[in-house]
């Protein structure tokens, strides 16, 4: 599995609006993408103008296909709410609790 992370810096006081837009616009698009597993939106306790989006994919190829296509269109929706360019990171998913729970259920 593979994870993509985007860090967005919202214009001061607009992080809630950005988070809502992210979840409303992105989630429906993500659900239609081949290999999409899960999306998570995070907001830090003390830095109110940042929003982190994490998407989990079956493979790096699935994530790359989304990043090079649909994600560019989604970024256009976010731009009016951003004070800086988004930052991207990629990760290999080594293990998840979902895998552990699935293995336990299968062994019963």
Protein backbone atom coordinates (compact mmCIF):
# COMPACT_ATOMS: atom_id res chain seq x y z
CA UNK A 1 0.00 0.00 0.00
CA UNK A 2 1.01 3.60 -0.53
CA UNK A 3 0.11 6.95 1.05
CA UNK A 4 0.15 10.45 -0.33
CA UNK A 5 0.16 13.48 1.94
CA UNK A 6 -0.62 17.07 1.11
CA UNK A 7 0.04 19.97 3.50
CA UNK A 8 -2.08 23.03 2.81
CA UNK A 9 -1.55 26.43 4.43
CA UNK A 10 -4.86 28.25 4.52
CA UNK A 11 -5.34 31.98 4.52
CA UNK A 12 -5.61 33.01 8.18
CA UNK A 13 -9.00 32.04 9.62
CA UNK A 14 -10.10 29.96 6.62
CA UNK A 15 -8.82 26.48 7.53
CA UNK A 16 -12.30 25.18 8.45
CA UNK A 17 -13.60 26.32 5.08
CA UNK A 18 -10.64 24.68 3.36
CA UNK A 19 -11.15 21.42 5.27
CA UNK A 20 -14.84 21.36 4.37
CA UNK A 21 -14.06 22.03 0.70
CA UNK A 22 -11.40 19.33 0.71
CA UNK A 23 -13.74 16.72 2.10
CA UNK A 24 -16.72 17.68 -0.07
CA UNK A 25 -14.82 18.01 -3.36
CA UNK A 26 -12.05 15.47 -2.92
CA UNK A 27 -13.90 12.59 -1.30
CA UNK A 28 -16.38 12.11 -4.12
CA UNK A 29 -13.55 12.21 -6.69
CA UNK A 30 -11.28 9.92 -4.66
CA UNK A 31 -13.98 7.28 -4.21
CA UNK A 32 -14.15 6.89 -8.00
CA UNK A 33 -10.39 6.37 -8.43
CA UNK A 34 -9.00 2.88 -9.04
CA UNK A 35 -6.97 1.69 -6.06
CA UNK A 36 -8.25 4.29 -3.60
CA UNK A 37 -8.56 2.92 -0.04
CA UNK A 38 -9.07 5.76 2.45
CA UNK A 39 -8.77 9.52 2.98
CA UNK A 40 -8.00 11.35 6.20
CA UNK A 41 -8.12 15.10 6.87
CA UNK A 42 -6.09 16.41 9.81
CA UNK A 43 -5.92 19.82 11.46
CA UNK A 44 -3.27 20.52 14.11
CA UNK A 45 -4.29 21.47 17.63
CA UNK A 46 -2.24 24.63 17.78
CA UNK A 47 -1.57 25.72 14.16
CA UNK A 48 -5.00 26.70 12.97
CA UNK A 49 -4.12 27.59 9.40
CA UNK A 50 -2.79 24.20 8.29
CA UNK A 51 -4.70 21.27 6.87
CA UNK A 52 -3.17 17.86 6.11
CA UNK A 53 -4.78 15.45 3.70
CA UNK A 54 -3.68 11.82 3.58
CA UNK A 55 -4.87 9.39 0.94
CA UNK A 56 -4.17 5.66 1.10
CA UNK A 57 -3.83 3.65 -2.12
CA UNK A 58 -3.40 0.02 -3.06
CA UNK A 59 -0.25 0.90 -5.01
CA UNK A 60 2.10 3.74 -5.89
CA UNK A 61 0.88 3.47 -9.49
CA UNK A 62 -2.71 4.15 -8.34
CA UNK A 63 -1.58 7.18 -6.32
CA UNK A 64 0.57 8.50 -9.17
CA UNK A 65 -2.31 8.20 -11.64
CA UNK A 66 -4.48 10.33 -9.34
CA UNK A 67 -1.70 12.83 -8.62
CA UNK A 68 -1.00 13.40 -12.30
CA UNK A 69 -4.68 13.68 -13.24
CA UNK A 70 -7.63 14.50 -11.00
CA UNK A 71 -5.65 15.99 -8.11
CA UNK A 72 -4.50 18.89 -10.28
CA UNK A 73 -8.12 19.83 -10.94
CA UNK A 74 -8.95 19.62 -7.24
CA UNK A 75 -6.07 21.94 -6.36
CA UNK A 76 -7.73 24.63 -8.47
CA UNK A 77 -10.70 24.57 -6.05
CA UNK A 78 -8.38 25.11 -3.07
CA UNK A 79 -6.18 27.90 -4.49
CA UNK A 80 -8.42 30.84 -3.44
CA UNK A 81 -8.13 29.64 0.19
CA UNK A 82 -4.34 29.07 0.22
CA UNK A 83 -1.62 31.40 1.41
CA UNK A 84 1.22 29.21 0.03
CA UNK A 85 1.84 26.45 -2.49
CA UNK A 86 0.82 22.98 -1.26
CA UNK A 87 3.56 20.62 -0.08
CA UNK A 88 3.46 16.95 -1.06
CA UNK A 89 5.04 13.85 0.48
CA UNK A 90 4.81 10.17 -0.37
CA UNK A 91 5.10 7.14 1.89
CA UNK A 92 5.09 3.38 1.68
CA UNK A 93 2.51 1.93 4.08
CA UNK A 94 4.36 -0.74 6.02
CA UNK A 95 1.49 -1.88 8.24
CA UNK A 96 -2.01 -0.78 9.24
CA UNK A 97 -4.36 -1.75 12.03
CA UNK A 98 -6.86 -2.63 9.32
CA UNK A 99 -4.51 -5.39 8.14
CA UNK A 100 -4.15 -6.69 11.70
CA UNK A 101 -7.93 -6.70 12.25
CA UNK A 102 -8.49 -8.46 8.91
CA UNK A 103 -5.94 -11.13 9.77
CA UNK A 104 -7.55 -11.71 13.17
CA UNK A 105 -11.00 -12.04 11.62
CA UNK A 106 -9.72 -14.47 8.99
CA UNK A 107 -8.14 -16.70 11.63
CA UNK A 108 -11.40 -17.13 13.56
